[in-house]
Amino acid sequence: MLAYDHGFEHGPTDFNPSAGSGQAIDPQYVFDIAEQSDAFTCIAVQKGVAEKYYRKGVYKTPLVVKLNGKTGYHSGEELFSPQNCSVEEAVELGAAGVGYTIYVGSEREGESIAEFSRIQEEAHDAGLPVILWAYPRGKHIGENEHSKENLAYAARIALELGADMVKVAYTGDVESMKWVVAAAGKVKVLAVGGSKTDEETFLRKTGEILEAGAIGWAVGRNIWQAEKPVELARKIAGIIF
């Protein structure tokens, strides 16, 4: 998955020239990476980006519409990401799937679970798979969001709620990640690419997540902040496929 919901979640800071090429401020640049590389099974964006840039029936990269989001101004608060797009609208935009974030361990996780449950039913009725962004964060998680135990719990929530895929952080080693994948059961696991790292490290980690049982990456910054994003995307796809 080529992830590009960062403009909503982080603001434009990830698109600054100091963070990479700076060209990623333009959504068309990122869509072009997907189309030119032919390396991605989907691209995930918020509804406004999909509406204005995704060319339904023309682009070969399938579209995933992210149905909720929050801004980056909530440091220290209990996290909640409200729905901002319906399944019906996602279908009209040409979505092949939908995504939704739950902050597992937040005091407001119950609101997200209720929203996600309704979305899951509507999406499946429309024939769309549902991807859960499962992030352990909040009062009951503290600073330990990437622990094996918390990530496994997040992955398990995806299974219990009926998600088809789960986007969850990599624990950092193969053996502990195997437990996270096992917790997800028949839900397919996408590891989160995270902040920009060097190419050699990212390619090594690609092999590790596959060994652990994940099916691939949900990657953004490590692609569109790269000096040669199309070339790197093809290298990663070569390992995965």
C-alpha atoms as a PDB file:
ATOM      1  CA  MET A   1       0.000   0.000   0.000  1.00  0.00           C
ATOM      2  CA  LEU A   2       1.230   3.484  -0.869  1.00  0.00           C
ATOM      3  CA  ALA A   3       0.020   5.567   2.080  1.00  0.00           C
ATOM      4  CA  TYR A   4      -0.630   9.270   1.563  1.00  0.00           C
ATOM      5  CA  ASP A   5      -2.938  10.439   4.350  1.00  0.00           C
ATOM      6  CA  HIS A   6      -0.089  12.329   6.033  1.00  0.00           C
ATOM      7  CA  GLY A   7      -1.291  15.786   4.992  1.00  0.00           C
ATOM      8  CA  PHE A   8      -4.329  15.374   7.240  1.00  0.00           C
ATOM      9  CA  GLU A   9      -2.654  13.528  10.089  1.00  0.00           C
ATOM     10  CA  HIS A  10       0.665  15.417  10.294  1.00  0.00           C
ATOM     11  CA  GLY A  11       0.141  18.565   8.236  1.00  0.00           C
ATOM     12  CA  PRO A  12       2.477  19.522   5.363  1.00  0.00           C
ATOM     13  CA  THR A  13       5.625  19.031   7.477  1.00  0.00           C
ATOM     14  CA  ASP A  14       6.317  15.620   5.892  1.00  0.00           C
ATOM     15  CA  PHE A  15       6.388  17.304   2.488  1.00  0.00           C
ATOM     16  CA  ASN A  16       9.052  19.907   3.343  1.00  0.00           C
ATOM     17  CA  PRO A  17      12.141  19.856   1.099  1.00  0.00           C
ATOM     18  CA  SER A  18      14.245  19.182   4.209  1.00  0.00           C
ATOM     19  CA  ALA A  19      12.310  15.921   4.687  1.00  0.00           C
ATOM     20  CA  GLY A  20      12.834  14.696   1.126  1.00  0.00           C
ATOM     21  CA  SER A  21      12.311  15.949  -2.383  1.00  0.00           C
ATOM     22  CA  GLY A  22       9.565  18.391  -1.393  1.00  0.00           C
ATOM     23  CA  GLN A  23       7.610  17.341  -4.478  1.00  0.00           C
ATOM     24  CA  ALA A  24       5.249  15.230  -2.360  1.00  0.00           C
ATOM     25  CA  ILE A  25       3.326  18.375  -1.413  1.00  0.00           C
ATOM     26  CA  ASP A  26       1.644  17.813  -4.795  1.00  0.00           C
ATOM     27  CA  PRO A  27      -0.658  14.767  -4.660  1.00  0.00           C
ATOM     28  CA  GLN A  28      -0.223  14.270  -8.390  1.00  0.00           C
ATOM     29  CA  TYR A  29       3.470  13.527  -7.782  1.00  0.00           C
ATOM     30  CA  VAL A  30       2.540  10.653  -5.462  1.00  0.00           C
ATOM     31  CA  PHE A  31      -0.137   9.266  -7.777  1.00  0.00           C
ATOM     32  CA  ASP A  32       2.432   9.350 -10.575  1.00  0.00           C
ATOM     33  CA  ILE A  33       4.843   7.284  -8.457  1.00  0.00           C
ATOM     34  CA  ALA A  34       2.159   4.632  -8.025  1.00  0.00           C
ATOM     35  CA  GLU A  35       1.289   4.570 -11.711  1.00  0.00           C
ATOM     36  CA  GLN A  36       4.847   4.692 -13.064  1.00  0.00           C
ATOM     37  CA  SER A  37       6.276   2.070 -10.727  1.00  0.00           C
ATOM     38  CA  ASP A  38       3.411  -0.423 -11.128  1.00  0.00           C
ATOM     39  CA  ALA A  39       4.553  -1.678  -7.724  1.00  0.00           C
ATOM     40  CA  PHE A  40       1.564  -1.029  -5.466  1.00  0.00           C
ATOM     41  CA  THR A  41      -1.599  -3.015  -4.877  1.00  0.00           C
ATOM     42  CA  CYS A  42      -3.366   0.164  -3.675  1.00  0.00           C
ATOM     43  CA  ILE A  43      -2.950   3.824  -2.732  1.00  0.00           C
ATOM     44  CA  ALA A  44      -4.623   5.167   0.419  1.00  0.00           C
ATOM     45  CA  VAL A  45      -5.787   8.794   0.640  1.00  0.00           C
ATOM     46  CA  GLN A  46      -8.448  10.948   2.246  1.00  0.00           C
ATOM     47  CA  LYS A  47     -11.616  11.714   0.298  1.00  0.00           C
ATOM     48  CA  GLY A  48     -10.657  15.203  -0.885  1.00  0.00           C
ATOM     49  CA  VAL A  49      -7.425  13.991  -2.468  1.00  0.00           C
ATOM     50  CA  ALA A  50      -9.288  11.106  -4.083  1.00  0.00           C
ATOM     51  CA  GLU A  51     -11.984  13.407  -5.430  1.00  0.00           C
ATOM     52  CA  LYS A  52      -9.540  15.860  -7.004  1.00  0.00           C
ATOM     53  CA  TYR A  53      -6.686  13.617  -8.157  1.00  0.00           C
ATOM     54  CA  TYR A  54      -7.772   9.994  -8.558  1.00  0.00           C
ATOM     55  CA  ARG A  55      -8.774   9.215 -12.150  1.00  0.00           C
ATOM     56  CA  LYS A  56     -11.416   6.513 -11.805  1.00  0.00           C
ATOM     57  CA  GLY A  57     -11.311   4.102 -14.710  1.00  0.00           C
ATOM     58  CA  VAL A  58      -7.935   5.430 -15.845  1.00  0.00           C
ATOM     59  CA  TYR A  59      -5.498   4.701 -13.032  1.00  0.00           C
ATOM     60  CA  LYS A  60      -4.538   1.059 -12.643  1.00  0.00           C
ATOM     61  CA  THR A  61      -3.553   1.378  -8.965  1.00  0.00           C
ATOM     62  CA  PRO A  62      -6.629   0.536  -6.845  1.00  0.00           C
ATOM     63  CA  LEU A  63      -7.905   3.259  -4.511  1.00  0.00           C
ATOM     64  CA  VAL A  64      -8.403   2.941  -0.748  1.00  0.00           C
ATOM     65  CA  VAL A  65     -10.322   5.830   0.812  1.00  0.00           C
ATOM     66  CA  LYS A  66      -9.515   6.603   4.440  1.00  0.00           C
ATOM     67  CA  LEU A  67     -12.847   7.259   6.138  1.00  0.00           C
ATOM     68  CA  ASN A  68     -11.620   9.039   9.261  1.00  0.00           C
ATOM     69  CA  GLY A  69      -8.822  11.317  10.365  1.00  0.00           C
ATOM     70  CA  LYS A  70      -7.588  13.797  12.946  1.00  0.00           C
ATOM     71  CA  THR A  71      -5.131  16.675  12.839  1.00  0.00           C
ATOM     72  CA  GLY A  72      -1.730  16.691  14.520  1.00  0.00           C
ATOM     73  CA  TYR A  73      -2.811  19.195  17.184  1.00  0.00           C
ATOM     74  CA  HIS A  74      -3.870  16.635  19.799  1.00  0.00           C
ATOM     75  CA  SER A  75      -0.646  15.915  21.680  1.00  0.00           C
ATOM     76  CA  GLY A  76      -1.427  14.989  25.291  1.00  0.00           C
ATOM     77  CA  GLU A  77      -5.132  14.450  24.604  1.00  0.00           C
ATOM     78  CA  GLU A  78      -6.999  11.172  24.453  1.00  0.00           C
ATOM     79  CA  LEU A  79      -7.047  10.323  20.766  1.00  0.00           C
ATOM     80  CA  PHE A  80     -10.157   9.966  18.644  1.00  0.00           C
ATOM     81  CA  SER A  81     -10.313  10.075  14.842  1.00  0.00           C
ATOM     82  CA  PRO A  82     -13.876  10.878  13.685  1.00  0.00           C
ATOM     83  CA  GLN A  83     -15.421   9.641  10.474  1.00  0.00           C
ATOM     84  CA  ASN A  84     -15.400  12.217   7.665  1.00  0.00           C
ATOM     85  CA  CYS A  85     -16.434  10.115   4.661  1.00  0.00           C
ATOM     86  CA  SER A  86     -19.196   7.579   4.143  1.00  0.00           C
ATOM     87  CA  VAL A  87     -18.822   4.191   2.511  1.00  0.00           C
ATOM     88  CA  GLU A  88     -21.293   5.355  -0.143  1.00  0.00           C
ATOM     89  CA  GLU A  89     -19.111   8.348  -1.019  1.00  0.00           C
ATOM     90  CA  ALA A  90     -16.004   6.142  -1.138  1.00  0.00           C
ATOM     91  CA  VAL A  91     -17.754   3.870  -3.644  1.00  0.00           C
ATOM     92  CA  GLU A  92     -18.683   6.884  -5.787  1.00  0.00           C
ATOM     93  CA  LEU A  93     -15.029   7.988  -5.753  1.00  0.00           C
ATOM     94  CA  GLY A  94     -14.017   4.601  -7.155  1.00  0.00           C
ATOM     95  CA  ALA A  95     -12.708   2.971  -4.000  1.00  0.00           C
ATOM     96  CA  ALA A  96     -11.664  -0.663  -4.071  1.00  0.00           C
ATOM     97  CA  GLY A  97     -11.451  -0.642  -0.279  1.00  0.00           C
ATOM     98  CA  VAL A  98     -11.812   1.605   2.764  1.00  0.00           C
ATOM     99  CA  GLY A  99      -9.670   2.308   5.804  1.00  0.00           C
ATOM    100  CA  TYR A 100     -10.325   3.459   9.364  1.00  0.00           C
ATOM    101  CA  THR A 101      -8.106   4.199  12.396  1.00  0.00           C
ATOM    102  CA  ILE A 102      -8.755   2.994  15.941  1.00  0.00           C
ATOM    103  CA  TYR A 103      -6.437   4.139  18.731  1.00  0.00           C
ATOM    104  CA  VAL A 104      -6.469   0.984  20.824  1.00  0.00           C
ATOM    105  CA  GLY A 105      -6.044   1.888  24.497  1.00  0.00           C
ATOM    106  CA  SER A 106      -7.382   5.429  24.203  1.00  0.00           C
ATOM    107  CA  GLU A 107     -10.173   6.346  26.586  1.00  0.00           C
ATOM    108  CA  ARG A 108     -12.240   7.129  23.472  1.00  0.00           C
ATOM    109  CA  GLU A 109     -11.660   3.806  21.735  1.00  0.00           C
ATOM    110  CA  GLY A 110     -15.301   2.832  22.354  1.00  0.00           C
ATOM    111  CA  GLU A 111     -16.515   5.599  20.045  1.00  0.00           C
ATOM    112  CA  SER A 112     -14.167   4.386  17.321  1.00  0.00           C
ATOM    113  CA  ILE A 113     -15.209   0.768  17.772  1.00  0.00           C
ATOM    114  CA  ALA A 114     -18.866   1.727  17.360  1.00  0.00           C
ATOM    115  CA  GLU A 115     -18.125   3.736  14.198  1.00  0.00           C
ATOM    116  CA  PHE A 116     -15.901   1.037  12.744  1.00  0.00           C
ATOM    117  CA  SER A 117     -18.492  -1.680  13.359  1.00  0.00           C
ATOM    118  CA  ARG A 118     -21.090   0.216  11.352  1.00  0.00           C
ATOM    119  CA  ILE A 119     -18.571   0.985   8.590  1.00  0.00           C
ATOM    120  CA  GLN A 120     -17.494  -2.665   8.405  1.00  0.00           C
ATOM    121  CA  GLU A 121     -21.076  -3.779   7.823  1.00  0.00           C
ATOM    122  CA  GLU A 122     -21.736  -1.084   5.203  1.00  0.00           C
ATOM    123  CA  ALA A 123     -18.475  -1.792   3.375  1.00  0.00           C
ATOM    124  CA  HIS A 124     -19.043  -5.535   3.252  1.00  0.00           C
ATOM    125  CA  ASP A 125     -22.592  -4.955   2.015  1.00  0.00           C
ATOM    126  CA  ALA A 126     -21.036  -2.886  -0.791  1.00  0.00           C
ATOM    127  CA  GLY A 127     -18.475  -5.606  -1.532  1.00  0.00           C
ATOM    128  CA  LEU A 128     -15.483  -3.603  -0.257  1.00  0.00           C
ATOM    129  CA  PRO A 129     -12.697  -4.899   2.007  1.00  0.00           C
ATOM    130  CA  VAL A 130     -12.001  -2.944   5.193  1.00  0.00           C
ATOM    131  CA  ILE A 131      -8.511  -2.095   6.431  1.00  0.00           C
ATOM    132  CA  LEU A 132      -8.079  -1.193  10.096  1.00  0.00           C
ATOM    133  CA  TRP A 133      -5.290   1.203  11.038  1.00  0.00           C
ATOM    134  CA  ALA A 134      -4.738  -0.255  14.543  1.00  0.00           C
ATOM    135  CA  TYR A 135      -2.522   1.999  16.654  1.00  0.00           C
ATOM    136  CA  PRO A 136      -2.026   1.363  20.401  1.00  0.00           C
ATOM    137  CA  ARG A 137      -1.955   4.903  21.827  1.00  0.00           C
ATOM    138  CA  GLY A 138      -3.521   6.750  24.720  1.00  0.00           C
ATOM    139  CA  LYS A 139      -3.894   6.693  28.483  1.00  0.00           C
ATOM    140  CA  HIS A 140      -3.775   2.913  28.836  1.00  0.00           C
ATOM    141  CA  ILE A 141      -0.747   2.498  26.546  1.00  0.00           C
ATOM    142  CA  GLY A 142       1.666   5.192  27.686  1.00  0.00           C
ATOM    143  CA  GLU A 143       5.040   5.209  25.948  1.00  0.00           C
ATOM    144  CA  ASN A 144       4.996   1.512  25.086  1.00  0.00           C
ATOM    145  CA  GLU A 145       2.936   1.578  21.905  1.00  0.00           C
ATOM    146  CA  HIS A 146       5.298  -0.636  19.885  1.00  0.00           C
ATOM    147  CA  SER A 147       5.572  -3.454  22.411  1.00  0.00           C
ATOM    148  CA  LYS A 148       4.828  -6.980  21.258  1.00  0.00           C
ATOM    149  CA  GLU A 149       1.904  -7.194  23.684  1.00  0.00           C
ATOM    150  CA  ASN A 150       0.234  -3.940  22.643  1.00  0.00           C
ATOM    151  CA  LEU A 151       0.678  -4.539  18.919  1.00  0.00           C
ATOM    152  CA  ALA A 152      -0.648  -8.084  19.230  1.00  0.00           C
ATOM    153  CA  TYR A 153      -3.696  -6.751  21.092  1.00  0.00           C
ATOM    154  CA  ALA A 154      -4.269  -4.177  18.331  1.00  0.00           C
ATOM    155  CA  ALA A 155      -3.976  -6.875  15.661  1.00  0.00           C
ATOM    156  CA  ARG A 156      -6.406  -9.073  17.571  1.00  0.00           C
ATOM    157  CA  ILE A 157      -8.941  -6.250  17.749  1.00  0.00           C
ATOM    158  CA  ALA A 158      -8.879  -6.175  13.937  1.00  0.00           C
ATOM    159  CA  LEU A 159      -9.830  -9.857  13.849  1.00  0.00           C
ATOM    160  CA  GLU A 160     -12.511  -9.530  16.519  1.00  0.00           C
ATOM    161  CA  LEU A 161     -14.125  -6.563  14.721  1.00  0.00           C
ATOM    162  CA  GLY A 162     -14.199  -8.227  11.301  1.00  0.00           C
ATOM    163  CA  ALA A 163     -11.507  -6.264   9.464  1.00  0.00           C
ATOM    164  CA  ASP A 164     -10.054  -7.817   6.323  1.00  0.00           C
ATOM    165  CA  MET A 165      -6.591  -6.321   6.754  1.00  0.00           C
ATOM    166  CA  VAL A 166      -4.809  -4.573   9.606  1.00  0.00           C
ATOM    167  CA  LYS A 167      -2.138  -1.881   9.392  1.00  0.00           C
ATOM    168  CA  VAL A 168       0.074  -2.195  12.453  1.00  0.00           C
ATOM    169  CA  ALA A 169       3.598  -1.139  13.381  1.00  0.00           C
ATOM    170  CA  TYR A 170       6.541  -3.515  13.046  1.00  0.00           C
ATOM    171  CA  THR A 171       7.823  -4.629  16.448  1.00  0.00           C
ATOM    172  CA  GLY A 172      11.410  -4.455  15.214  1.00  0.00           C
ATOM    173  CA  ASP A 173      12.272  -8.152  15.192  1.00  0.00           C
ATOM    174  CA  VAL A 174      10.942 -11.225  13.407  1.00  0.00           C
ATOM    175  CA  GLU A 175      10.087 -13.427  16.389  1.00  0.00           C
ATOM    176  CA  SER A 176       7.959 -10.885  18.244  1.00  0.00           C
ATOM    177  CA  MET A 177       6.269  -9.843  14.981  1.00  0.00           C
ATOM    178  CA  LYS A 178       5.270 -13.464  14.407  1.00  0.00           C
ATOM    179  CA  TRP A 179       3.164 -13.224  17.571  1.00  0.00           C
ATOM    180  CA  VAL A 180       1.460 -10.065  16.276  1.00  0.00           C
ATOM    181  CA  VAL A 181       0.658 -11.814  12.991  1.00  0.00           C
ATOM    182  CA  ALA A 182      -0.620 -14.883  14.851  1.00  0.00           C
ATOM    183  CA  ALA A 183      -2.926 -12.662  16.918  1.00  0.00           C
ATOM    184  CA  ALA A 184      -4.493 -11.330  13.711  1.00  0.00           C
ATOM    185  CA  GLY A 185      -5.585 -14.824  12.642  1.00  0.00           C
ATOM    186  CA  LYS A 186      -6.971 -14.758   9.104  1.00  0.00           C
ATOM    187  CA  VAL A 187      -6.737 -10.955   8.938  1.00  0.00           C
ATOM    188  CA  LYS A 188      -3.912  -9.973   6.571  1.00  0.00           C
ATOM    189  CA  VAL A 189      -1.199  -7.871   8.211  1.00  0.00           C
ATOM    190  CA  LEU A 190       0.423  -4.796   6.658  1.00  0.00           C
ATOM    191  CA  ALA A 191       3.431  -3.424   8.530  1.00  0.00           C
ATOM    192  CA  VAL A 192       3.663   0.340   8.918  1.00  0.00           C
ATOM    193  CA  GLY A 193       6.616   1.859   7.058  1.00  0.00           C
ATOM    194  CA  GLY A 194       6.982   4.770   9.477  1.00  0.00           C
ATOM    195  CA  SER A 195       9.551   7.558   9.315  1.00  0.00           C
ATOM    196  CA  LYS A 196      12.141   7.746   6.550  1.00  0.00           C
ATOM    197  CA  THR A 197      15.090   5.396   6.915  1.00  0.00           C
ATOM    198  CA  ASP A 198      17.937   4.455   4.606  1.00  0.00           C
ATOM    199  CA  GLU A 199      17.256   2.194   1.646  1.00  0.00           C
ATOM    200  CA  GLU A 200      19.400  -0.722   2.811  1.00  0.00           C
ATOM    201  CA  THR A 201      17.648  -0.845   6.172  1.00  0.00           C
ATOM    202  CA  PHE A 202      14.198  -0.660   4.621  1.00  0.00           C
ATOM    203  CA  LEU A 203      14.908  -3.458   2.162  1.00  0.00           C
ATOM    204  CA  ARG A 204      16.263  -5.608   4.999  1.00  0.00           C
ATOM    205  CA  LYS A 205      13.135  -4.941   7.058  1.00  0.00           C
ATOM    206  CA  THR A 206      11.003  -5.908   4.058  1.00  0.00           C
ATOM    207  CA  GLY A 207      12.447  -9.400   4.237  1.00  0.00           C
ATOM    208  CA  GLU A 208      11.913  -9.486   7.989  1.00  0.00           C
ATOM    209  CA  ILE A 209       8.227  -8.598   7.950  1.00  0.00           C
ATOM    210  CA  LEU A 210       7.578 -11.213   5.275  1.00  0.00           C
ATOM    211  CA  GLU A 211       9.430 -13.817   7.334  1.00  0.00           C
ATOM    212  CA  ALA A 212       7.192 -12.883  10.270  1.00  0.00           C
ATOM    213  CA  GLY A 213       4.084 -13.532   8.173  1.00  0.00           C
ATOM    214  CA  ALA A 214       3.008 -10.030   7.170  1.00  0.00           C
ATOM    215  CA  ILE A 215       1.906  -9.681   3.531  1.00  0.00           C
ATOM    216  CA  GLY A 216       3.719  -6.396   2.918  1.00  0.00           C
ATOM    217  CA  TRP A 217       4.058  -2.729   3.791  1.00  0.00           C
ATOM    218  CA  ALA A 218       1.793   0.249   4.187  1.00  0.00           C
ATOM    219  CA  VAL A 219       4.511   2.705   3.201  1.00  0.00           C
ATOM    220  CA  GLY A 220       4.498   6.435   2.557  1.00  0.00           C
ATOM    221  CA  ARG A 221       7.471   8.566   3.595  1.00  0.00           C
ATOM    222  CA  ASN A 222      10.018   5.900   2.702  1.00  0.00           C
ATOM    223  CA  ILE A 223       8.754   6.114  -0.878  1.00  0.00           C
ATOM    224  CA  TRP A 224       7.764   9.693  -1.663  1.00  0.00           C
ATOM    225  CA  GLN A 225      10.599  11.202   0.400  1.00  0.00           C
ATOM    226  CA  ALA A 226      13.112   9.016  -1.449  1.00  0.00           C
ATOM    227  CA  GLU A 227      15.485  10.435  -4.046  1.00  0.00           C
ATOM    228  CA  LYS A 228      14.401   7.794  -6.589  1.00  0.00           C
ATOM    229  CA  PRO A 229      10.944   6.695  -5.411  1.00  0.00           C
ATOM    230  CA  VAL A 230       9.927   4.705  -8.496  1.00  0.00           C
ATOM    231  CA  GLU A 231      13.167   2.720  -8.458  1.00  0.00           C
ATOM    232  CA  LEU A 232      12.874   2.023  -4.724  1.00  0.00           C
ATOM    233  CA  ALA A 233       9.228   0.995  -5.033  1.00  0.00           C
ATOM    234  CA  ARG A 234      10.168  -1.569  -7.654  1.00  0.00           C
ATOM    235  CA  LYS A 235      12.950  -2.966  -5.445  1.00  0.00           C
ATOM    236  CA  ILE A 236      10.538  -3.389  -2.534  1.00  0.00           C
ATOM    237  CA  ALA A 237       7.910  -4.978  -4.786  1.00  0.00           C
ATOM    238  CA  GLY A 238      10.581  -7.328  -6.116  1.00  0.00           C
ATOM    239  CA  ILE A 239      11.139  -8.660  -2.604  1.00  0.00           C
ATOM    240  CA  ILE A 240       7.453  -8.859  -1.680  1.00  0.00           C
ATOM    241  CA  PHE A 241       6.183 -10.455  -4.886  1.00  0.00           C
END
